[in-house]
C-alpha atoms as a PDB file:
ATOM      1  CA  UNK A   1     112.499  97.409  76.239  1.00  0.00           C
ATOM      2  CA  UNK A   2     109.266  98.890  77.575  1.00  0.00           C
ATOM      3  CA  UNK A   3     107.111  96.953  79.460  1.00  0.00           C
ATOM      4  CA  UNK A   4     103.651  97.219  81.648  1.00  0.00           C
ATOM      5  CA  UNK A   5     104.314  96.080  85.068  1.00  0.00           C
ATOM      6  CA  UNK A   6     102.363  93.732  87.039  1.00  0.00           C
ATOM      7  CA  UNK A   7      99.812  95.663  89.235  1.00  0.00           C
ATOM      8  CA  UNK A   8      97.568  94.259  91.933  1.00  0.00           C
ATOM      9  CA  UNK A   9      94.659  96.644  92.319  1.00  0.00           C
ATOM     10  CA  UNK A  10      92.887  95.023  95.091  1.00  0.00           C
ATOM     11  CA  UNK A  11      93.433  97.968  97.507  1.00  0.00           C
ATOM     12  CA  UNK A  12      91.689 100.452  95.118  1.00  0.00           C
ATOM     13  CA  UNK A  13      88.321 101.809  96.141  1.00  0.00           C
ATOM     14  CA  UNK A  14      85.560 100.985  93.829  1.00  0.00           C
ATOM     15  CA  UNK A  15      85.514 104.441  92.208  1.00  0.00           C
ATOM     16  CA  UNK A  16      89.369 104.200  91.860  1.00  0.00           C
ATOM     17  CA  UNK A  17      89.192 100.860  90.302  1.00  0.00           C
ATOM     18  CA  UNK A  18      86.512 101.935  87.794  1.00  0.00           C
ATOM     19  CA  UNK A  19      88.561 105.165  86.965  1.00  0.00           C
ATOM     20  CA  UNK A  20      91.641 103.235  86.277  1.00  0.00           C
ATOM     21  CA  UNK A  21      90.040 100.586  83.942  1.00  0.00           C
ATOM     22  CA  UNK A  22      87.848 103.465  82.382  1.00  0.00           C
ATOM     23  CA  UNK A  23      91.203 105.411  81.276  1.00  0.00           C
ATOM     24  CA  UNK A  24      92.767 102.116  79.998  1.00  0.00           C
ATOM     25  CA  UNK A  25      89.581 101.319  78.131  1.00  0.00           C
ATOM     26  CA  UNK A  26      89.789 104.718  76.386  1.00  0.00           C
ATOM     27  CA  UNK A  27      93.448 104.217  75.616  1.00  0.00           C
ATOM     28  CA  UNK A  28      92.682 101.087  73.898  1.00  0.00           C
ATOM     29  CA  UNK A  29      89.983 102.566  71.922  1.00  0.00           C
ATOM     30  CA  UNK A  30      92.122 105.415  70.942  1.00  0.00           C
ATOM     31  CA  UNK A  31      94.967 103.102  69.653  1.00  0.00           C
ATOM     32  CA  UNK A  32      92.375 100.666  68.482  1.00  0.00           C
ATOM     33  CA  UNK A  33      92.408  97.033  69.559  1.00  0.00           C
ATOM     34  CA  UNK A  34      93.243  95.942  65.871  1.00  0.00           C
ATOM     35  CA  UNK A  35      96.390  97.883  65.995  1.00  0.00           C
ATOM     36  CA  UNK A  36      97.343  96.574  69.342  1.00  0.00           C
ATOM     37  CA  UNK A  37      96.299  93.039  68.128  1.00  0.00           C
ATOM     38  CA  UNK A  38      94.096  92.377  71.105  1.00  0.00           C
ATOM     39  CA  UNK A  39      90.614  92.502  69.377  1.00  0.00           C
ATOM     40  CA  UNK A  40      89.144  89.488  71.293  1.00  0.00           C
ATOM     41  CA  UNK A  41      90.626  90.331  74.588  1.00  0.00           C
ATOM     42  CA  UNK A  42      89.289  93.814  74.261  1.00  0.00           C
ATOM     43  CA  UNK A  43      85.814  92.544  73.491  1.00  0.00           C
ATOM     44  CA  UNK A  44      85.897  90.499  76.673  1.00  0.00           C
ATOM     45  CA  UNK A  45      87.283  93.277  78.654  1.00  0.00           C
ATOM     46  CA  UNK A  46      84.491  95.557  77.562  1.00  0.00           C
ATOM     47  CA  UNK A  47      81.900  92.898  78.627  1.00  0.00           C
ATOM     48  CA  UNK A  48      83.692  92.560  81.920  1.00  0.00           C
ATOM     49  CA  UNK A  49      83.673  96.364  82.524  1.00  0.00           C
ATOM     50  CA  UNK A  50      79.975  96.701  81.735  1.00  0.00           C
ATOM     51  CA  UNK A  51      79.374  93.960  84.483  1.00  0.00           C
ATOM     52  CA  UNK A  52      81.485  95.830  86.910  1.00  0.00           C
ATOM     53  CA  UNK A  53      79.772  99.287  86.451  1.00  0.00           C
ATOM     54  CA  UNK A  54      76.400  97.580  86.999  1.00  0.00           C
ATOM     55  CA  UNK A  55      77.527  95.757  90.220  1.00  0.00           C
ATOM     56  CA  UNK A  56      79.121  99.149  91.541  1.00  0.00           C
ATOM     57  CA  UNK A  57      75.755 101.039  90.749  1.00  0.00           C
ATOM     58  CA  UNK A  58      73.810  98.432  92.594  1.00  0.00           C
ATOM     59  CA  UNK A  59      76.229  98.440  95.542  1.00  0.00           C
ATOM     60  CA  UNK A  60      76.124 102.151  95.961  1.00  0.00           C
ATOM     61  CA  UNK A  61      72.426 102.269  96.093  1.00  0.00           C
ATOM     62  CA  UNK A  62      72.237  99.769  98.924  1.00  0.00           C
ATOM     63  CA  UNK A  63      75.489 100.399 100.822  1.00  0.00           C
ATOM     64  CA  UNK A  64      76.439 104.112 100.743  1.00  0.00           C
ATOM     65  CA  UNK A  65      73.237 106.139 100.789  1.00  0.00           C
ATOM     66  CA  UNK A  66      70.879 104.469 103.204  1.00  0.00           C
ATOM     67  CA  UNK A  67      73.236 104.788 106.152  1.00  0.00           C
ATOM     68  CA  UNK A  68      74.315 108.366 106.443  1.00  0.00           C
ATOM     69  CA  UNK A  69      72.110 110.299 104.198  1.00  0.00           C
ATOM     70  CA  UNK A  70      68.759 108.721 105.342  1.00  0.00           C
ATOM     71  CA  UNK A  71      69.785 108.852 109.018  1.00  0.00           C
ATOM     72  CA  UNK A  72      70.589 112.456 108.742  1.00  0.00           C
ATOM     73  CA  UNK A  73      67.374 113.276 106.929  1.00  0.00           C
ATOM     74  CA  UNK A  74      65.373 111.244 109.612  1.00  0.00           C
ATOM     75  CA  UNK A  75      66.877 113.265 112.417  1.00  0.00           C
ATOM     76  CA  UNK A  76      66.551 116.403 110.736  1.00  0.00           C
ATOM     77  CA  UNK A  77      62.754 115.688 110.152  1.00  0.00           C
ATOM     78  CA  UNK A  78      62.303 114.995 113.886  1.00  0.00           C
ATOM     79  CA  UNK A  79      64.143 118.098 114.877  1.00  0.00           C
ATOM     80  CA  UNK A  80      62.046 120.231 112.662  1.00  0.00           C
ATOM     81  CA  UNK A  81      58.861 118.594 114.220  1.00  0.00           C
ATOM     82  CA  UNK A  82      60.070 119.171 117.727  1.00  0.00           C
ATOM     83  CA  UNK A  83      60.838 122.782 116.925  1.00  0.00           C
ATOM     84  CA  UNK A  84      57.343 123.370 115.379  1.00  0.00           C
ATOM     85  CA  UNK A  85      55.681 121.727 118.468  1.00  0.00           C
ATOM     86  CA  UNK A  86      57.444 124.005 120.805  1.00  0.00           C
ATOM     87  CA  UNK A  87      56.672 127.134 118.630  1.00  0.00           C
ATOM     88  CA  UNK A  88      53.062 126.191 118.387  1.00  0.00           C
ATOM     89  CA  UNK A  89      52.708 125.905 122.291  1.00  0.00           C
ATOM     90  CA  UNK A  90      53.894 129.563 122.278  1.00  0.00           C
ATOM     91  CA  UNK A  91      50.237 130.409 121.243  1.00  0.00           C
ATOM     92  CA  UNK A  92      48.548 127.830 123.537  1.00  0.00           C
ATOM     93  CA  UNK A  93      45.347 129.265 125.412  1.00  0.00           C
ATOM     94  CA  UNK A  94      46.862 128.365 128.750  1.00  0.00           C
ATOM     95  CA  UNK A  95      49.314 131.116 129.859  1.00  0.00           C
ATOM     96  CA  UNK A  96      51.273 128.439 131.873  1.00  0.00           C
ATOM     97  CA  UNK A  97      51.763 126.383 128.935  1.00  0.00           C
ATOM     98  CA  UNK A  98      52.912 129.409 126.872  1.00  0.00           C
ATOM     99  CA  UNK A  99      55.452 130.280 129.566  1.00  0.00           C
ATOM    100  CA  UNK A 100      56.816 126.752 129.659  1.00  0.00           C
ATOM    101  CA  UNK A 101      57.113 126.665 125.794  1.00  0.00           C
ATOM    102  CA  UNK A 102      58.787 130.066 126.051  1.00  0.00           C
ATOM    103  CA  UNK A 103      61.643 128.878 128.104  1.00  0.00           C
ATOM    104  CA  UNK A 104      62.356 125.786 125.973  1.00  0.00           C
ATOM    105  CA  UNK A 105      61.948 128.097 122.860  1.00  0.00           C
ATOM    106  CA  UNK A 106      64.771 130.444 124.153  1.00  0.00           C
ATOM    107  CA  UNK A 107      67.367 127.543 124.259  1.00  0.00           C
ATOM    108  CA  UNK A 108      66.305 126.486 120.708  1.00  0.00           C
ATOM    109  CA  UNK A 109      66.824 129.869 119.416  1.00  0.00           C
ATOM    110  CA  UNK A 110      70.230 130.111 121.224  1.00  0.00           C
ATOM    111  CA  UNK A 111      71.520 127.208 119.338  1.00  0.00           C
ATOM    112  CA  UNK A 112      69.759 128.414 115.870  1.00  0.00           C
ATOM    113  CA  UNK A 113      69.039 126.156 113.067  1.00  0.00           C
ATOM    114  CA  UNK A 114      71.554 123.345 113.675  1.00  0.00           C
ATOM    115  CA  UNK A 115      70.098 121.368 110.805  1.00  0.00           C
ATOM    116  CA  UNK A 116      72.181 123.628 108.567  1.00  0.00           C
ATOM    117  CA  UNK A 117      75.543 122.561 110.156  1.00  0.00           C
ATOM    118  CA  UNK A 118      77.692 119.915 108.932  1.00  0.00           C
ATOM    119  CA  UNK A 119      77.287 116.376 110.288  1.00  0.00           C
ATOM    120  CA  UNK A 120      79.707 116.659 113.099  1.00  0.00           C
ATOM    121  CA  UNK A 121      78.655 120.117 114.087  1.00  0.00           C
ATOM    122  CA  UNK A 122      75.048 119.095 114.058  1.00  0.00           C
ATOM    123  CA  UNK A 123      75.506 115.916 116.032  1.00  0.00           C
ATOM    124  CA  UNK A 124      77.416 117.737 118.774  1.00  0.00           C
ATOM    125  CA  UNK A 125      75.193 120.712 118.976  1.00  0.00           C
ATOM    126  CA  UNK A 126      71.986 118.618 118.986  1.00  0.00           C
ATOM    127  CA  UNK A 127      73.466 116.525 121.729  1.00  0.00           C
ATOM    128  CA  UNK A 128      74.367 119.631 123.867  1.00  0.00           C
ATOM    129  CA  UNK A 129      71.019 121.408 123.328  1.00  0.00           C
ATOM    130  CA  UNK A 130      68.911 118.604 124.172  1.00  0.00           C
ATOM    131  CA  UNK A 131      70.916 117.750 127.300  1.00  0.00           C
ATOM    132  CA  UNK A 132      70.563 121.408 128.390  1.00  0.00           C
ATOM    133  CA  UNK A 133      66.797 121.447 127.780  1.00  0.00           C
ATOM    134  CA  UNK A 134      66.644 118.270 129.799  1.00  0.00           C
ATOM    135  CA  UNK A 135      68.472 119.600 132.709  1.00  0.00           C
ATOM    136  CA  UNK A 136      66.838 122.964 132.953  1.00  0.00           C
ATOM    137  CA  UNK A 137      63.306 122.336 131.677  1.00  0.00           C
ATOM    138  CA  UNK A 138      62.603 118.882 131.486  1.00  0.00           C
ATOM    139  CA  UNK A 139      59.137 119.355 133.215  1.00  0.00           C
ATOM    140  CA  UNK A 140      58.293 122.070 130.786  1.00  0.00           C
ATOM    141  CA  UNK A 141      58.871 119.816 127.946  1.00  0.00           C
ATOM    142  CA  UNK A 142      56.742 117.003 129.390  1.00  0.00           C
ATOM    143  CA  UNK A 143      53.830 119.499 129.772  1.00  0.00           C
ATOM    144  CA  UNK A 144      54.105 120.539 126.024  1.00  0.00           C
ATOM    145  CA  UNK A 145      51.503 119.004 123.521  1.00  0.00           C
ATOM    146  CA  UNK A 146      49.741 117.055 126.228  1.00  0.00           C
ATOM    147  CA  UNK A 147      52.998 115.003 126.844  1.00  0.00           C
ATOM    148  CA  UNK A 148      54.172 114.619 123.345  1.00  0.00           C
ATOM    149  CA  UNK A 149      57.114 116.997 124.039  1.00  0.00           C
ATOM    150  CA  UNK A 150      58.916 114.607 126.254  1.00  0.00           C
ATOM    151  CA  UNK A 151      58.341 111.722 123.820  1.00  0.00           C
ATOM    152  CA  UNK A 152      59.286 113.645 120.901  1.00  0.00           C
ATOM    153  CA  UNK A 153      62.739 114.798 122.474  1.00  0.00           C
ATOM    154  CA  UNK A 154      63.270 111.227 123.431  1.00  0.00           C
ATOM    155  CA  UNK A 155      62.807 110.106 119.764  1.00  0.00           C
ATOM    156  CA  UNK A 156      65.010 112.916 118.621  1.00  0.00           C
ATOM    157  CA  UNK A 157      67.839 111.923 120.925  1.00  0.00           C
ATOM    158  CA  UNK A 158      67.556 108.166 119.708  1.00  0.00           C
ATOM    159  CA  UNK A 159      67.738 109.488 116.016  1.00  0.00           C
ATOM    160  CA  UNK A 160      70.871 111.485 116.728  1.00  0.00           C
ATOM    161  CA  UNK A 161      72.518 108.735 118.743  1.00  0.00           C
ATOM    162  CA  UNK A 162      71.671 106.328 115.655  1.00  0.00           C
ATOM    163  CA  UNK A 163      73.109 108.845 113.140  1.00  0.00           C
ATOM    164  CA  UNK A 164      76.313 109.141 115.390  1.00  0.00           C
ATOM    165  CA  UNK A 165      76.636 105.411 115.294  1.00  0.00           C
ATOM    166  CA  UNK A 166      76.456 105.250 111.596  1.00  0.00           C
ATOM    167  CA  UNK A 167      79.048 107.990 111.145  1.00  0.00           C
ATOM    168  CA  UNK A 168      82.799 107.987 111.496  1.00  0.00           C
ATOM    169  CA  UNK A 169      84.962 104.870 110.966  1.00  0.00           C
ATOM    170  CA  UNK A 170      81.956 102.478 110.344  1.00  0.00           C
ATOM    171  CA  UNK A 171      80.639 104.865 107.752  1.00  0.00           C
ATOM    172  CA  UNK A 172      83.997 105.091 106.051  1.00  0.00           C
ATOM    173  CA  UNK A 173      84.437 101.298 106.052  1.00  0.00           C
ATOM    174  CA  UNK A 174      80.971 100.871 104.380  1.00  0.00           C
ATOM    175  CA  UNK A 175      81.599 103.370 101.808  1.00  0.00           C
ATOM    176  CA  UNK A 176      85.019 101.683 100.750  1.00  0.00           C
ATOM    177  CA  UNK A 177      83.650  98.178 101.390  1.00  0.00           C
ATOM    178  CA  UNK A 178      83.733  95.894  98.308  1.00  0.00           C
ATOM    179  CA  UNK A 179      80.904  93.573  98.245  1.00  0.00           C
ATOM    180  CA  UNK A 180      80.996  90.089  96.992  1.00  0.00           C
ATOM    181  CA  UNK A 181      79.139  91.015  93.595  1.00  0.00           C
ATOM    182  CA  UNK A 182      81.308  93.865  92.995  1.00  0.00           C
ATOM    183  CA  UNK A 183      84.491  91.965  93.903  1.00  0.00           C
ATOM    184  CA  UNK A 184      83.768  89.152  91.587  1.00  0.00           C
ATOM    185  CA  UNK A 185      83.315  91.584  88.698  1.00  0.00           C
ATOM    186  CA  UNK A 186      86.439  93.440  89.480  1.00  0.00           C
ATOM    187  CA  UNK A 187      88.299  90.296  89.437  1.00  0.00           C
ATOM    188  CA  UNK A 188      87.210  89.477  86.077  1.00  0.00           C
ATOM    189  CA  UNK A 189      88.131  92.615  84.796  1.00  0.00           C
ATOM    190  CA  UNK A 190      91.654  92.518  86.268  1.00  0.00           C
ATOM    191  CA  UNK A 191      92.308  88.955  84.993  1.00  0.00           C
ATOM    192  CA  UNK A 192      91.528  90.102  81.392  1.00  0.00           C
ATOM    193  CA  UNK A 193      93.596  93.281  81.821  1.00  0.00           C
ATOM    194  CA  UNK A 194      96.470  90.881  83.079  1.00  0.00           C
ATOM    195  CA  UNK A 195      95.876  88.825  79.894  1.00  0.00           C
ATOM    196  CA  UNK A 196      96.144  92.091  77.658  1.00  0.00           C
ATOM    197  CA  UNK A 197      99.254  93.148  79.505  1.00  0.00           C
ATOM    198  CA  UNK A 198     100.916  89.731  78.958  1.00  0.00           C
ATOM    199  CA  UNK A 199     100.173  90.063  75.308  1.00  0.00           C
ATOM    200  CA  UNK A 200     101.223  93.599  74.862  1.00  0.00           C
ATOM    201  CA  UNK A 201     104.439  92.808  76.707  1.00  0.00           C
ATOM    202  CA  UNK A 202     105.091  89.789  74.499  1.00  0.00           C
ATOM    203  CA  UNK A 203     104.238  91.795  71.260  1.00  0.00           C
ATOM    204  CA  UNK A 204     106.442  94.739  72.040  1.00  0.00           C
ATOM    205  CA  UNK A 205     109.463  92.380  72.031  1.00  0.00           C
ATOM    206  CA  UNK A 206     108.600  90.906  68.649  1.00  0.00           C
ATOM    207  CA  UNK A 207     107.285  93.980  66.942  1.00  0.00           C
ATOM    208  CA  UNK A 208     109.184  96.845  68.628  1.00  0.00           C
ATOM    209  CA  UNK A 209     108.178 100.080  70.543  1.00  0.00           C
ATOM    210  CA  UNK A 210     107.230 101.980  67.447  1.00  0.00           C
ATOM    211  CA  UNK A 211     103.848 100.329  67.804  1.00  0.00           C
ATOM    212  CA  UNK A 212     103.339  99.925  71.366  1.00  0.00           C
ATOM    213  CA  UNK A 213     105.729 102.367  73.178  1.00  0.00           C
ATOM    214  CA  UNK A 214     103.339 105.346  73.445  1.00  0.00           C
ATOM    215  CA  UNK A 215     100.495 102.928  74.592  1.00  0.00           C
ATOM    216  CA  UNK A 216     102.616 101.374  77.240  1.00  0.00           C
ATOM    217  CA  UNK A 217     103.887 104.791  78.531  1.00  0.00           C
ATOM    218  CA  UNK A 218     100.284 106.034  78.931  1.00  0.00           C
ATOM    219  CA  UNK A 219      99.155 102.682  80.764  1.00  0.00           C
ATOM    220  CA  UNK A 220     102.101 102.857  83.035  1.00  0.00           C
ATOM    221  CA  UNK A 221     101.363 106.542  83.799  1.00  0.00           C
ATOM    222  CA  UNK A 222      97.764 105.536  85.277  1.00  0.00           C
ATOM    223  CA  UNK A 223      99.039 102.542  87.036  1.00  0.00           C
ATOM    224  CA  UNK A 224     101.826 104.647  88.916  1.00  0.00           C
ATOM    225  CA  UNK A 225      99.159 107.113  89.669  1.00  0.00           C
ATOM    226  CA  UNK A 226      96.938 104.616  91.460  1.00  0.00           C
ATOM    227  CA  UNK A 227      99.952 102.896  93.040  1.00  0.00           C
ATOM    228  CA  UNK A 228     100.663 106.284  94.564  1.00  0.00           C
ATOM    229  CA  UNK A 229      97.216 106.752  95.696  1.00  0.00           C
ATOM    230  CA  UNK A 230      97.259 103.412  97.547  1.00  0.00           C
ATOM    231  CA  UNK A 231     100.809 104.272  99.201  1.00  0.00           C
ATOM    232  CA  UNK A 232      99.537 107.654 100.350  1.00  0.00           C
ATOM    233  CA  UNK A 233      96.376 106.057 102.040  1.00  0.00           C
ATOM    234  CA  UNK A 234      98.450 103.540 103.628  1.00  0.00           C
ATOM    235  CA  UNK A 235     100.946 106.192 104.969  1.00  0.00           C
ATOM    236  CA  UNK A 236      98.060 108.273 106.278  1.00  0.00           C
ATOM    237  CA  UNK A 237      96.740 105.193 108.185  1.00  0.00           C
ATOM    238  CA  UNK A 238     100.084 104.547 109.804  1.00  0.00           C
ATOM    239  CA  UNK A 239     100.594 108.090 110.783  1.00  0.00           C
ATOM    240  CA  UNK A 240      97.089 108.236 112.327  1.00  0.00           C
ATOM    241  CA  UNK A 241      96.601 111.752 111.296  1.00  0.00           C
ATOM    242  CA  UNK A 242      94.165 111.427 108.214  1.00  0.00           C
ATOM    243  CA  UNK A 243      91.388 113.815 108.743  1.00  0.00           C
ATOM    244  CA  UNK A 244      88.360 114.485 106.284  1.00  0.00           C
ATOM    245  CA  UNK A 245      86.295 117.346 106.442  1.00  0.00           C
ATOM    246  CA  UNK A 246      82.837 116.379 105.677  1.00  0.00           C
ATOM    247  CA  UNK A 247      80.206 118.451 104.303  1.00  0.00           C
ATOM    248  CA  UNK A 248      76.430 118.127 104.468  1.00  0.00           C
END
C-alpha cells in the first residue's frame, strides 16, 4: 500500500522549504482538496503558507542584502572616489603634485577597474594594489588633495576589510540562517502538512489507491528530491571540498 513517508524538513534552507511546500500546494490544488477529503486542513495549510512567505520576505530584506551587497557598494563608491581624486591631481597647477599623482595613477592603471571583478578577485586585488601604493608612494598619496589622499586610502582599506569580514563562511551562514519568525511559520506549515500526510495515509487504506495513488507518488517524488538535497549538502560538508563560484 502506498504511503507518504515522514519527512523532517528542518535542514532545508528557506527557499528550499518554500519550494517544497509550493509544489505540494500546487499538487493539492490540481487534485482538489475535496477529492482528497482534506478541505479544512488545506485551508489551514494555505493560511500558514502565506505567513511563511511573508516572514521569509521580511527576513531576506534584513539579513541577506545588507551584509554583502551594501558592503560591496560602499567600498566600490570609495574606490571610485579615490581614483577620481588621484586623477584630478594630474591636472594640479603645481608640477610637483602632478608628478606625485602620476606615480600613484600608474599603479591604479596597472590594476585596471577592479570594481568589475567578482567579489573575491576584487578583495584581493584591492588589498594588493593599496599595499603597493603605500609601500612605494605613501608620501605621494599624503600630498594629494591637501592630505585627503591618505585619509581616503585609509577609509578604502577599512571598507575592503569590512567587506572581507562579511564575506565567506559568515555570509553563507547568514544567508541560510533561519530566523525566529521564519522558523515559527515553517513549523506551523510542517505540522499541518504532517496532519495532511496522516489523513491521506489513513484514507488510502480505506478508499484504495485509485483516488490517492498518483497524488502520493508525486508528493513522494518531491520529498525524495529534497532528502537528496540535504544528503548531498551534508556530504559536501564532510568532504570539505564544497566550493561556490560567486558572481558580482
